[in-house]
Amino acid sequence: MSQFTAEMRDAAAGHLIAAHTARRPGERLPEACRPANVADALAIQRRVRELMGATIGGWKCSVPTPKREIAAATIFASAIISESPCPILPIGGKARIEPEIAFVIGHDLPSRATPYSDAEVRAAIRETRTVLELIGPRYADPAAVTYPELLADSIANQGLFLGPVVANALELPLEGFRITVNTPDGPLLARDGKHPDGHPLRPLLWLVNHLASR
């Protein structure tokens, strides 16, 4: 049974909010309010959002693994950017980004006892977009923290930059494709991308049923 109290949760949330407000990473959570497990981490994550008065605009997630039994975090609506130039807090003078496939859901998928099928989730997708996840942890040394600490900090999410709609996306090989990054000075990166979960629909199906069951 977790001994993580509301006072510990609020202290951890306040620590992370201070880094949000300062707009620069800080020290890891104090040991006295450090989450020991996923449940503690999710409680902190939710409390940060409540105290900041933030609205959920989306989610980042991946399929659970033995080491990461839950890998899901809210993305604040205020941090979803659709116009260029996109503001970002650099890390070491560089913008950290992850190319992603994002699904915009067209109608509610209410809580229910029966899991949603793959076909039902596909039918709920209004559009598919290419996006860039903006990476920016609230910890100055994220490599030194535990996974629950990372989860409490929304898995280092700083925001999301929306790219174009992908036409007929579900008919395309979204499990892997060529990724190129160009700049005014020329190409910056070109490589074959591969989705870590095999296909971006897999984490979406998991997330829908995870949230509906809660």
Protein backbone atom coordinates (compact mmCIF):
# COMPACT_ATOMS: atom_id res chain seq x y z
CA MET A 1 0.00 0.00 0.00
CA SER A 2 1.37 3.39 -0.98
CA GLN A 3 2.31 5.78 1.82
CA PHE A 4 2.33 8.70 -0.59
CA THR A 5 0.27 11.41 1.11
CA ALA A 6 -1.58 14.39 -0.32
CA GLU A 7 1.02 16.63 1.30
CA MET A 8 3.83 14.79 -0.49
CA ARG A 9 1.91 14.95 -3.76
CA ASP A 10 1.36 18.69 -3.45
CA ALA A 11 4.99 19.32 -2.52
CA ALA A 12 6.15 17.44 -5.61
CA ALA A 13 3.64 19.27 -7.80
CA GLY A 14 4.78 22.61 -6.43
CA HIS A 15 8.39 21.73 -7.22
CA LEU A 16 7.56 20.94 -10.85
CA ILE A 17 5.31 23.99 -11.22
CA ALA A 18 8.20 26.19 -10.04
CA ALA A 19 10.27 24.88 -12.96
CA HIS A 20 7.33 25.42 -15.34
CA THR A 21 6.98 29.00 -14.10
CA ALA A 22 10.71 29.75 -14.23
CA ARG A 23 10.80 28.28 -17.76
CA ARG A 24 14.03 26.45 -17.03
CA PRO A 25 14.82 23.01 -15.61
CA GLY A 26 15.77 22.59 -11.97
CA GLU A 27 16.76 19.93 -9.48
CA ARG A 28 15.04 16.55 -9.25
CA LEU A 29 12.20 16.12 -6.79
CA PRO A 30 13.26 16.21 -3.13
CA GLU A 31 13.56 12.72 -1.68
CA ALA A 32 10.79 13.42 0.82
CA CYS A 33 8.20 13.81 -1.96
CA ARG A 34 9.69 11.58 -4.65
CA PRO A 35 7.17 9.12 -6.20
CA ALA A 36 7.94 5.47 -5.56
CA ASN A 37 5.65 4.02 -8.22
CA VAL A 38 3.41 4.79 -11.19
CA ALA A 39 0.35 5.54 -9.05
CA ASP A 40 2.24 8.19 -7.08
CA ALA A 41 3.61 9.66 -10.32
CA LEU A 42 0.19 9.93 -11.96
CA ALA A 43 -1.17 11.64 -8.84
CA ILE A 44 1.59 14.26 -9.11
CA GLN A 45 1.05 14.66 -12.85
CA ARG A 46 -2.66 15.28 -12.33
CA ARG A 47 -2.07 17.68 -9.43
CA VAL A 48 0.34 19.78 -11.52
CA ARG A 49 -2.38 20.19 -14.13
CA GLU A 50 -5.03 21.04 -11.51
CA LEU A 51 -2.90 23.64 -9.73
CA MET A 52 -1.85 25.24 -13.02
CA GLY A 53 -5.47 25.36 -14.17
CA ALA A 54 -4.43 23.72 -17.43
CA THR A 55 -6.84 22.16 -19.92
CA ILE A 56 -6.02 18.81 -21.49
CA GLY A 57 -5.44 19.25 -25.22
CA GLY A 58 -4.09 15.80 -25.97
CA TRP A 59 -2.06 12.86 -24.75
CA LYS A 60 1.32 11.32 -25.39
CA CYS A 61 1.55 7.61 -24.80
CA SER A 62 3.22 4.36 -25.70
CA VAL A 63 2.30 0.71 -25.22
CA PRO A 64 3.17 -0.45 -21.67
CA THR A 65 6.24 -2.60 -21.08
CA PRO A 66 7.42 -4.54 -18.00
CA LYS A 67 9.62 -1.57 -17.05
CA ARG A 68 6.96 1.04 -17.87
CA GLU A 69 3.58 -0.32 -16.85
CA ILE A 70 1.96 2.99 -17.81
CA ALA A 71 3.51 5.49 -20.21
CA ALA A 72 0.92 8.22 -20.69
CA ALA A 73 0.86 11.93 -20.01
CA THR A 74 -1.43 14.83 -20.74
CA ILE A 75 -0.39 17.58 -23.12
CA PHE A 76 -1.70 20.99 -22.11
CA ALA A 77 -3.94 22.68 -24.68
CA SER A 78 -1.91 25.87 -24.27
CA ALA A 79 1.23 23.96 -25.32
CA ILE A 80 -0.21 22.76 -28.65
CA ILE A 81 1.07 25.16 -31.32
CA SER A 82 -0.33 25.37 -34.83
CA GLU A 83 1.42 28.46 -36.22
CA SER A 84 5.03 29.02 -37.24
CA PRO A 85 7.42 30.09 -35.84
CA CYS A 86 6.92 27.70 -32.93
CA PRO A 87 8.36 28.85 -29.59
CA ILE A 88 10.50 26.32 -27.72
CA LEU A 89 12.71 26.33 -24.64
CA PRO A 90 16.11 25.12 -25.88
CA ILE A 91 18.27 22.61 -24.03
CA GLY A 92 21.96 23.31 -24.37
CA GLY A 93 21.16 25.77 -27.13
CA LYS A 94 19.29 23.17 -29.17
CA ALA A 95 15.65 22.34 -29.79
CA ARG A 96 14.87 18.75 -28.88
CA ILE A 97 12.07 17.33 -31.02
CA GLU A 98 10.55 13.95 -31.84
CA PRO A 99 8.64 13.44 -35.12
CA GLU A 100 5.31 11.78 -34.33
CA ILE A 101 2.01 10.71 -35.84
CA ALA A 102 -0.97 12.24 -34.02
CA PHE A 103 -4.63 11.32 -34.24
CA VAL A 104 -7.40 13.88 -33.80
CA ILE A 105 -10.48 12.22 -32.32
CA GLY A 106 -13.78 13.28 -33.87
CA HIS A 107 -16.23 12.17 -31.20
CA ASP A 108 -16.32 11.05 -27.58
CA LEU A 109 -15.43 7.51 -26.55
CA PRO A 110 -17.21 7.34 -23.18
CA SER A 111 -16.25 5.16 -20.25
CA ARG A 112 -17.69 1.65 -20.50
CA ALA A 113 -17.06 -1.87 -19.23
CA THR A 114 -16.43 -3.43 -22.66
CA PRO A 115 -13.09 -2.52 -24.32
CA TYR A 116 -13.25 -0.57 -27.55
CA SER A 117 -12.25 -2.53 -30.65
CA ASP A 118 -9.64 -1.48 -33.16
CA ALA A 119 -12.43 -0.79 -35.67
CA GLU A 120 -14.29 1.48 -33.21
CA VAL A 121 -11.18 3.49 -32.45
CA ARG A 122 -10.34 3.84 -36.15
CA ALA A 123 -13.90 5.07 -36.80
CA ALA A 124 -13.48 7.77 -34.15
CA ILE A 125 -10.42 9.31 -35.83
CA ARG A 126 -11.32 12.57 -37.55
CA GLU A 127 -7.90 13.24 -39.02
CA THR A 128 -4.26 12.22 -38.79
CA ARG A 129 -1.41 14.71 -38.61
CA THR A 130 2.34 14.73 -38.66
CA VAL A 131 3.54 16.57 -35.56
CA LEU A 132 6.71 17.39 -33.68
CA GLU A 133 6.72 16.69 -29.99
CA LEU A 134 8.70 19.37 -28.16
CA ILE A 135 10.89 17.76 -25.51
CA GLY A 136 11.76 19.70 -22.37
CA PRO A 137 12.00 18.08 -18.92
CA ARG A 138 11.65 20.08 -15.73
CA TYR A 139 14.80 18.34 -14.46
CA ALA A 140 18.26 19.70 -15.26
CA ASP A 141 19.62 16.14 -15.25
CA PRO A 142 16.77 13.91 -16.47
CA ALA A 143 19.11 10.93 -16.85
CA ALA A 144 19.50 10.86 -13.06
CA VAL A 145 15.81 10.49 -12.20
CA THR A 146 13.70 7.36 -11.80
CA TYR A 147 10.92 6.46 -14.21
CA PRO A 148 8.18 7.50 -11.75
CA GLU A 149 9.84 10.91 -11.50
CA LEU A 150 9.90 11.17 -15.29
CA LEU A 151 6.23 10.15 -15.46
CA ALA A 152 5.32 12.73 -12.82
CA ASP A 153 6.89 15.32 -15.15
CA SER A 154 4.66 14.22 -18.07
CA ILE A 155 7.53 12.23 -19.63
CA ALA A 156 9.46 15.42 -20.43
CA ASN A 157 6.74 16.85 -22.67
CA GLN A 158 7.10 20.56 -23.40
CA GLY A 159 4.43 20.79 -26.07
CA LEU A 160 3.38 19.83 -29.56
CA PHE A 161 3.81 21.53 -32.92
CA LEU A 162 1.06 20.54 -35.34
CA GLY A 163 2.06 19.68 -38.88
CA PRO A 164 -0.14 19.00 -41.91
CA VAL A 165 -3.04 16.60 -42.19
CA VAL A 166 -2.04 13.28 -43.76
CA ALA A 167 -4.61 12.30 -46.38
CA ASN A 168 -5.78 8.66 -46.32
CA ALA A 169 -3.37 8.09 -43.45
CA LEU A 170 -4.78 4.76 -42.30
CA GLU A 171 -4.10 3.33 -45.74
CA LEU A 172 -0.40 4.27 -45.53
CA PRO A 173 2.49 2.35 -43.91
CA LEU A 174 2.60 4.45 -40.75
CA GLU A 175 4.78 1.91 -38.96
CA GLY A 176 7.81 3.34 -40.74
CA PHE A 177 8.75 5.95 -43.33
CA ARG A 178 11.54 8.29 -44.39
CA ILE A 179 12.05 11.36 -42.19
CA THR A 180 13.91 14.43 -43.40
CA VAL A 181 14.54 17.72 -41.61
CA ASN A 182 15.48 20.69 -43.79
CA THR A 183 16.66 24.15 -42.75
CA PRO A 184 17.34 27.35 -44.69
CA ASP A 185 20.99 26.27 -44.68
CA GLY A 186 20.25 22.84 -46.11
CA PRO A 187 19.35 19.34 -44.90
CA LEU A 188 19.81 18.73 -41.18
CA LEU A 189 18.76 15.09 -40.92
CA ALA A 190 17.56 12.23 -43.10
CA ARG A 191 16.83 8.75 -41.80
CA ASP A 192 14.35 5.91 -41.94
CA GLY A 193 11.92 6.31 -39.07
CA LYS A 194 10.33 3.33 -37.34
CA HIS A 195 7.55 3.52 -34.76
CA PRO A 196 8.76 2.03 -31.45
CA ASP A 197 5.39 0.33 -30.85
CA GLY A 198 5.21 -1.12 -34.35
CA HIS A 199 2.36 1.17 -35.46
CA PRO A 200 0.95 4.42 -33.99
CA LEU A 201 -2.54 2.91 -33.74
CA ARG A 202 -1.34 0.44 -31.11
CA PRO A 203 -0.72 3.04 -28.37
CA LEU A 204 -3.91 4.88 -29.34
CA LEU A 205 -6.01 1.73 -28.84
CA TRP A 206 -4.32 1.13 -25.50
CA LEU A 207 -4.85 4.74 -24.39
CA VAL A 208 -8.54 4.76 -25.32
CA ASN A 209 -9.25 1.65 -23.28
CA HIS A 210 -6.99 2.73 -20.43
CA LEU A 211 -8.85 6.04 -20.07
CA ALA A 212 -12.32 4.51 -20.66
CA SER A 213 -11.71 1.96 -17.91
CA ARG A 214 -10.84 4.74 -15.45
